[in-house]
Protein backbone atom coordinates (compact mmCIF):
# COMPACT_ATOMS: atom_id res chain seq x y z
CA UNK A 1 -7.13 -8.51 -44.05
CA UNK A 2 -10.70 -8.66 -42.73
CA UNK A 3 -13.39 -10.67 -44.42
CA UNK A 4 -15.27 -7.83 -45.75
CA UNK A 5 -12.12 -6.23 -47.18
CA UNK A 6 -11.30 -9.41 -48.82
CA UNK A 7 -14.82 -9.46 -50.29
CA UNK A 8 -14.22 -5.92 -51.72
CA UNK A 9 -10.95 -6.97 -53.14
CA UNK A 10 -12.65 -10.16 -54.72
CA UNK A 11 -15.01 -7.92 -56.36
CA UNK A 12 -12.45 -5.66 -57.75
CA UNK A 13 -10.60 -8.70 -59.22
CA UNK A 14 -13.76 -10.11 -60.58
CA UNK A 15 -13.87 -7.39 -63.28
CA UNK A 16 -11.51 -9.28 -65.50
CA UNK A 17 -13.56 -12.32 -65.83
CA UNK A 18 -16.13 -12.37 -68.56
CA UNK A 19 -19.47 -14.30 -68.75
CA UNK A 20 -21.88 -14.92 -71.44
CA UNK A 21 -24.31 -12.11 -72.47
CA UNK A 22 -27.95 -12.74 -72.65
CA UNK A 23 -28.46 -10.31 -75.60
CA UNK A 24 -26.12 -10.16 -78.55
CA UNK A 25 -23.81 -7.10 -79.00
CA UNK A 26 -25.99 -4.27 -80.63
CA UNK A 27 -29.19 -5.98 -79.39
CA UNK A 28 -31.78 -5.18 -77.09
CA UNK A 29 -31.50 -6.03 -73.43
CA UNK A 30 -34.37 -8.04 -72.21
CA UNK A 31 -35.20 -5.92 -69.24
CA UNK A 32 -37.82 -6.98 -66.77
CA UNK A 33 -39.16 -5.32 -63.60
CA UNK A 34 -38.59 -7.08 -60.30
CA UNK A 35 -40.03 -6.24 -56.70
CA UNK A 36 -39.05 -2.97 -55.22
CA UNK A 37 -38.05 -0.90 -58.17
CA UNK A 38 -35.47 -3.36 -59.22
CA UNK A 39 -35.06 -3.73 -62.95
CA UNK A 40 -33.17 -6.73 -64.44
CA UNK A 41 -31.43 -5.58 -67.35
CA UNK A 42 -31.38 -9.08 -69.19
CA UNK A 43 -27.60 -9.45 -69.20
CA UNK A 44 -25.82 -12.49 -67.44
CA UNK A 45 -23.02 -10.31 -65.81
CA UNK A 46 -22.68 -7.63 -63.02
CA UNK A 47 -23.38 -4.02 -63.74
CA UNK A 48 -20.46 -2.08 -62.32
CA UNK A 49 -21.20 1.64 -63.19
CA UNK A 50 -23.81 4.08 -64.32
CA UNK A 51 -23.22 7.58 -65.59
CA UNK A 52 -25.38 10.52 -65.23
CA UNK A 53 -26.69 10.03 -68.83
CA UNK A 54 -28.05 6.74 -67.81
CA UNK A 55 -25.37 4.59 -69.59
CA UNK A 56 -24.73 1.36 -67.56
CA UNK A 57 -21.63 -0.44 -67.92
CA UNK A 58 -21.37 -4.14 -67.23
CA UNK A 59 -18.18 -6.42 -67.32
CA UNK A 60 -18.00 -6.50 -71.08
CA UNK A 61 -20.78 -4.29 -72.47
CA UNK A 62 -22.43 -0.95 -72.38
CA UNK A 63 -26.33 -0.55 -72.02
CA UNK A 64 -27.45 2.81 -73.66
CA UNK A 65 -31.13 3.44 -74.28
CA UNK A 66 -32.16 -0.01 -73.89
CA UNK A 67 -29.44 -1.23 -76.36
CA UNK A 68 -26.58 -3.64 -75.50
CA UNK A 69 -23.29 -2.38 -77.16
CA UNK A 70 -19.79 -3.70 -77.17
CA UNK A 71 -17.05 -2.06 -75.14
CA UNK A 72 -15.18 0.71 -77.15
CA UNK A 73 -11.58 0.84 -78.26
CA UNK A 74 -10.81 -2.83 -77.76
CA UNK A 75 -11.27 -3.10 -74.29
CA UNK A 76 -12.01 -6.66 -73.15
CA UNK A 77 -13.41 -5.78 -69.66
CA UNK A 78 -14.37 -2.69 -67.91
CA UNK A 79 -15.32 -1.14 -64.45
CA UNK A 80 -16.04 2.49 -64.88
CA UNK A 81 -17.66 4.98 -67.45
CA UNK A 82 -17.99 8.80 -67.05
CA UNK A 83 -20.30 11.19 -68.51
CA UNK A 84 -17.96 11.97 -71.50
CA UNK A 85 -18.43 8.20 -72.42
CA UNK A 86 -14.63 7.52 -71.40
CA UNK A 87 -14.27 3.90 -70.21
CA UNK A 88 -11.60 2.53 -67.75
CA UNK A 89 -10.91 -1.18 -67.62
CA UNK A 90 -8.58 -3.80 -69.10
CA UNK A 91 -7.30 -5.22 -72.41
CA UNK A 92 -6.64 -8.93 -71.81
CA UNK A 93 -5.91 -8.45 -68.14
CA UNK A 94 -3.85 -5.17 -68.53
CA UNK A 95 -5.05 -2.08 -67.24
CA UNK A 96 -6.34 0.29 -69.94
CA UNK A 97 -8.33 3.46 -70.69
CA UNK A 98 -10.39 4.65 -73.71
CA UNK A 99 -10.49 8.38 -73.69
CA UNK A 100 -13.26 8.67 -76.47
CA UNK A 101 -10.70 8.55 -79.46
CA UNK A 102 -7.69 6.66 -78.10
CA UNK A 103 -6.89 3.49 -76.18
CA UNK A 104 -4.29 4.10 -73.70
CA UNK A 105 -2.25 1.27 -71.77
CA UNK A 106 -2.02 2.56 -68.22
CA UNK A 107 1.48 0.82 -67.27
CA UNK A 108 2.80 0.34 -63.76
CA UNK A 109 4.60 2.51 -61.06
CA UNK A 110 7.78 0.27 -61.14
CA UNK A 111 9.30 -2.01 -63.69
CA UNK A 112 8.83 -4.88 -61.47
CA UNK A 113 5.10 -4.27 -61.01
CA UNK A 114 3.04 -6.83 -62.74
CA UNK A 115 -0.45 -6.12 -61.10
CA UNK A 116 -1.98 -2.86 -62.04
CA UNK A 117 -5.82 -2.06 -61.18
CA UNK A 118 -7.78 0.90 -62.02
CA UNK A 119 -10.27 1.69 -59.16
CA UNK A 120 -11.58 4.97 -60.09
CA UNK A 121 -12.27 7.48 -62.96
CA UNK A 122 -13.22 11.20 -62.86
CA UNK A 123 -15.05 13.28 -65.32
CA UNK A 124 -11.73 14.87 -66.14
CA UNK A 125 -10.48 11.44 -67.39
CA UNK A 126 -8.21 11.00 -64.30
CA UNK A 127 -7.81 7.50 -63.21
CA UNK A 128 -6.56 6.20 -59.84
CA UNK A 129 -5.63 2.56 -59.02
CA UNK A 130 -3.15 0.23 -57.49
CA UNK A 131 0.26 -0.93 -58.80
CA UNK A 132 2.26 -3.90 -57.29
CA UNK A 133 3.87 -7.25 -57.75
CA UNK A 134 3.13 -10.58 -56.20
CA UNK A 135 4.42 -10.78 -52.61
CA UNK A 136 5.15 -7.05 -52.74
CA UNK A 137 3.55 -4.16 -51.06
CA UNK A 138 0.96 -2.46 -53.45
CA UNK A 139 1.16 1.24 -54.05
CA UNK A 140 -1.62 3.79 -54.90
CA UNK A 141 -1.37 5.97 -58.01
CA UNK A 142 -3.08 8.81 -59.99
CA UNK A 143 -2.78 8.71 -63.89
CA UNK A 144 -3.80 11.44 -66.37
CA UNK A 145 -2.73 11.86 -69.98
CA UNK A 146 -0.16 9.06 -69.67
CA UNK A 147 1.60 10.40 -66.56
CA UNK A 148 1.40 8.08 -63.50
CA UNK A 149 2.15 9.59 -60.01
CA UNK A 150 2.57 7.64 -56.85
CA UNK A 151 0.50 8.76 -53.75
CA UNK A 152 2.34 9.00 -50.41
CA UNK A 153 1.55 6.76 -47.53
CA UNK A 154 2.03 6.19 -43.78
CA UNK A 155 5.00 3.95 -44.08
CA UNK A 156 3.13 0.94 -45.49
CA UNK A 157 0.97 -0.02 -48.57
CA UNK A 158 -1.49 2.53 -50.06
CA UNK A 159 -4.86 1.64 -51.86
CA UNK A 160 -6.67 4.42 -54.06
CA UNK A 161 -10.46 3.70 -54.45
CA UNK A 162 -12.05 6.80 -56.09
CA UNK A 163 -11.27 10.27 -57.60
CA UNK A 164 -13.46 13.38 -57.86
CA UNK A 165 -13.31 16.09 -60.43
CA UNK A 166 -11.23 18.29 -58.27
CA UNK A 167 -8.47 15.59 -58.16
CA UNK A 168 -9.11 14.58 -54.53
CA UNK A 169 -8.55 10.69 -54.14
CA UNK A 170 -9.71 8.50 -51.47
CA UNK A 171 -8.71 4.98 -50.25
CA UNK A 172 -6.39 3.69 -47.33
CA UNK A 173 -2.82 3.93 -46.03
CA UNK A 174 -1.51 1.18 -43.87
CA UNK A 175 0.42 1.37 -40.72
CA UNK A 176 1.56 -2.36 -39.97
CA UNK A 177 -1.56 -4.51 -40.08
CA UNK A 178 -4.03 -1.57 -39.67
CA UNK A 179 -5.54 0.25 -42.70
CA UNK A 180 -6.52 3.96 -42.02
CA UNK A 181 -9.11 5.75 -44.45
CA UNK A 182 -7.49 8.79 -46.08
CA UNK A 183 -8.11 11.38 -48.65
CA UNK A 184 -5.25 12.81 -50.77
CA UNK A 185 -5.77 16.38 -51.96
CA UNK A 186 -5.07 17.39 -55.65
CA UNK A 187 -1.62 18.57 -54.58
CA UNK A 188 -0.91 15.03 -53.18
CA UNK A 189 -1.28 15.98 -49.40
CA UNK A 190 -2.54 13.25 -47.27
CA UNK A 191 -5.33 13.76 -44.86
CA UNK A 192 -6.21 10.98 -42.47
CA UNK A 193 -9.99 10.41 -41.91
CA UNK A 194 -11.38 9.72 -38.62
CA UNK A 195 -12.57 6.21 -37.49
CA UNK A 196 -15.53 5.08 -35.35
CA UNK A 197 -15.11 4.26 -31.72
CA UNK A 198 -11.70 4.81 -30.32
CA UNK A 199 -10.29 4.96 -33.74
CA UNK A 200 -7.96 2.05 -33.33
CA UNK A 201 -9.76 -0.06 -35.97
CA UNK A 202 -9.13 -0.46 -39.71
CA UNK A 203 -11.11 1.89 -42.04
CA UNK A 204 -11.33 2.25 -45.65
CA UNK A 205 -12.81 5.06 -48.10
CA UNK A 206 -14.51 3.63 -51.08
CA UNK A 207 -15.95 6.80 -52.59
CA UNK A 208 -15.57 10.58 -52.73
CA UNK A 209 -17.96 13.33 -54.20
CA UNK A 210 -16.99 16.60 -55.75
CA UNK A 211 -17.42 18.40 -52.37
CA UNK A 212 -14.74 16.23 -50.83
CA UNK A 213 -17.31 14.21 -48.73
CA UNK A 214 -16.36 10.36 -48.65
CA UNK A 215 -17.99 7.11 -47.56
CA UNK A 216 -16.72 3.49 -46.88
CA UNK A 217 -16.46 1.54 -43.63
CA UNK A 218 -14.86 1.53 -40.25
CA UNK A 219 -14.33 -1.01 -37.35
CA UNK A 220 -15.48 0.19 -34.01
CA UNK A 221 -12.07 -0.83 -32.59
CA UNK A 222 -8.94 -3.00 -33.35
CA UNK A 223 -9.83 -6.55 -33.30
CA UNK A 224 -13.63 -6.28 -32.61
CA UNK A 225 -14.82 -7.67 -35.87
CA UNK A 226 -17.61 -5.06 -35.80
CA UNK A 227 -17.45 -3.08 -39.20
CA UNK A 228 -19.97 -0.47 -39.95
CA UNK A 229 -20.63 1.54 -43.11
CA UNK A 230 -19.82 5.36 -42.83
CA UNK A 231 -19.77 8.71 -44.38
CA UNK A 232 -17.11 11.30 -43.80
CA UNK A 233 -17.60 15.13 -44.07
CA UNK A 234 -15.45 17.23 -46.29
CA UNK A 235 -13.56 18.12 -42.83
CA UNK A 236 -13.08 14.46 -42.15
CA UNK A 237 -15.58 13.82 -39.34
CA UNK A 238 -17.21 10.37 -39.54
CA UNK A 239 -20.81 9.25 -39.11
CA UNK A 240 -22.38 5.83 -39.21
CA UNK A 241 -24.74 4.82 -41.92
CA UNK A 242 -27.29 2.04 -40.80
CA UNK A 243 -30.40 1.00 -39.10
CA UNK A 244 -30.71 1.84 -35.48
CA UNK A 245 -28.65 -0.55 -33.58
CA UNK A 246 -25.87 -0.81 -36.02
CA UNK A 247 -25.18 -3.10 -39.01
CA UNK A 248 -22.22 -4.80 -40.46
CA UNK A 249 -21.60 -3.29 -43.86
CA UNK A 250 -19.94 -1.16 -46.36
CA UNK A 251 -20.81 1.89 -48.52
CA UNK A 252 -20.04 1.14 -51.95
CA UNK A 253 -20.52 4.44 -53.68
CA UNK A 254 -21.64 8.02 -53.09
CA UNK A 255 -23.25 10.54 -55.43
CA UNK A 256 -22.54 14.26 -55.69
CA UNK A 257 -26.27 14.76 -54.37
CA UNK A 258 -25.30 12.81 -51.06
CA UNK A 259 -26.97 9.40 -51.79
CA UNK A 260 -24.77 6.46 -50.74
CA UNK A 261 -25.44 2.87 -51.79
CA UNK A 262 -23.95 -0.42 -50.28
CA UNK A 263 -24.91 -3.46 -48.34
CA UNK A 264 -25.42 -4.16 -44.75
CA UNK A 265 -26.27 -7.18 -42.50
CA UNK A 266 -28.75 -5.69 -39.81
CA UNK A 267 -28.59 -7.61 -36.40
CA UNK A 268 -30.12 -11.03 -36.89
CA UNK A 269 -30.80 -10.54 -40.46
CA UNK A 270 -29.26 -11.37 -43.81
CA UNK A 271 -27.06 -8.97 -45.83
CA UNK A 272 -29.18 -6.56 -47.72
CA UNK A 273 -28.49 -3.84 -50.37
CA UNK A 274 -29.54 -0.36 -49.24
CA UNK A 275 -29.51 3.29 -50.22
CA UNK A 276 -29.48 6.51 -48.09
CA UNK A 277 -29.77 10.13 -48.80
CA UNK A 278 -28.06 12.62 -46.78
CA UNK A 279 -29.84 13.05 -43.57
CA UNK A 280 -32.61 10.47 -44.63
CA UNK A 281 -33.54 6.98 -43.60
CA UNK A 282 -31.89 3.83 -44.91
CA UNK A 283 -33.94 2.06 -47.56
CA UNK A 284 -33.40 -1.58 -48.38
CA UNK A 285 -33.80 -3.30 -51.70
CA UNK A 286 -37.02 -5.50 -51.42
CA UNK A 287 -35.89 -8.97 -50.13
CA UNK A 288 -38.47 -10.60 -52.43
CA UNK A 289 -36.20 -9.48 -55.42
CA UNK A 290 -33.37 -12.03 -54.39
CA UNK A 291 -29.79 -11.52 -53.31
CA UNK A 292 -28.80 -7.99 -54.68
CA UNK A 293 -25.39 -6.17 -54.30
CA UNK A 294 -25.40 -2.56 -55.54
CA UNK A 295 -22.08 -1.19 -56.81
CA UNK A 296 -22.57 2.33 -58.22
CA UNK A 297 -25.04 5.23 -58.07
CA UNK A 298 -25.46 8.43 -60.36
CA UNK A 299 -26.59 11.92 -59.56
CA UNK A 300 -30.27 10.93 -60.45
CA UNK A 301 -30.06 8.41 -57.62
CA UNK A 302 -30.18 5.40 -60.04
CA UNK A 303 -27.98 2.53 -58.62
CA UNK A 304 -26.49 -0.42 -60.64
CA UNK A 305 -25.15 -3.91 -59.39
CA UNK A 306 -25.68 -7.61 -59.36
CA UNK A 307 -28.60 -9.94 -58.76
CA UNK A 308 -27.25 -13.34 -57.89
CA UNK A 309 -29.54 -16.26 -58.85
CA UNK A 310 -29.01 -20.12 -59.02
CA UNK A 311 -27.99 -19.63 -62.57
CA UNK A 312 -25.40 -16.99 -61.96
CA UNK A 313 -25.30 -13.17 -62.09
CA UNK A 314 -27.63 -10.63 -63.67
CA UNK A 315 -27.19 -6.90 -64.18
CA UNK A 316 -29.70 -4.75 -62.41
CA UNK A 317 -30.80 -1.08 -62.03
CA UNK A 318 -32.54 0.20 -58.91
CA UNK A 319 -34.47 3.26 -58.85
């Protein structure tokens, strides 16, 4: 697995670890403005998601209207919130989903699977994720109303990363040691997405919008170590996202209005968080704000993520 793919996996697994909160549950977040439109929400943990109503989800809390609230339904950590206020996360390390009135335990694809991760949530309350066991080959799934369905692969492991309101899922399907970005249609049909260069390198789709457009990363070729942030059209055509001259990086999320956010390392420079509207220039978070990673963006163009300081992590909002 590549260094950047390992970093993405570590980010996903980090959801289960809670850290102290700067403001007490039910209290006001001590938000402060930073350079370049960055707002420190005053919470000592990462922000993972933001819905179109402006609710921000951190590892163990919701921030709504400047108020810090506990997770609903007995969830102990979380990763996704939709516009209906439904939340996907975990209860003591087990994948779970709060549907607004009931807590569901997600379960596993197979009785021998002990590792289940939810990696995407739609407005319909459909979940996607990965189910597996230590030493085994993980398998991607979709879940709705208590019914879990495996997603077909290309002969190896599969990884699901996001699902849209049409039921399309994106992620990767593996052939040997190479991962290929894919989209599963609502009927389960697998569509391979093109890679950059000669197409021999690994690629991964991290996000999908309601038009079936996707985003993620692609290597220029097998063994090159040159990985670029990319977008895919609804037809599967690939285009690089980044400054002129290329940049190592990843698109972390994509809004229905075509804004992507993620992080890149331009040639000769340190890693930087960025945003790009469809057809527009790449815009970076002001380096004076510190080390920032953006994780999610809503349709208003507001992004959330983590500000890393000498004292730990802080939840941030970037407009």
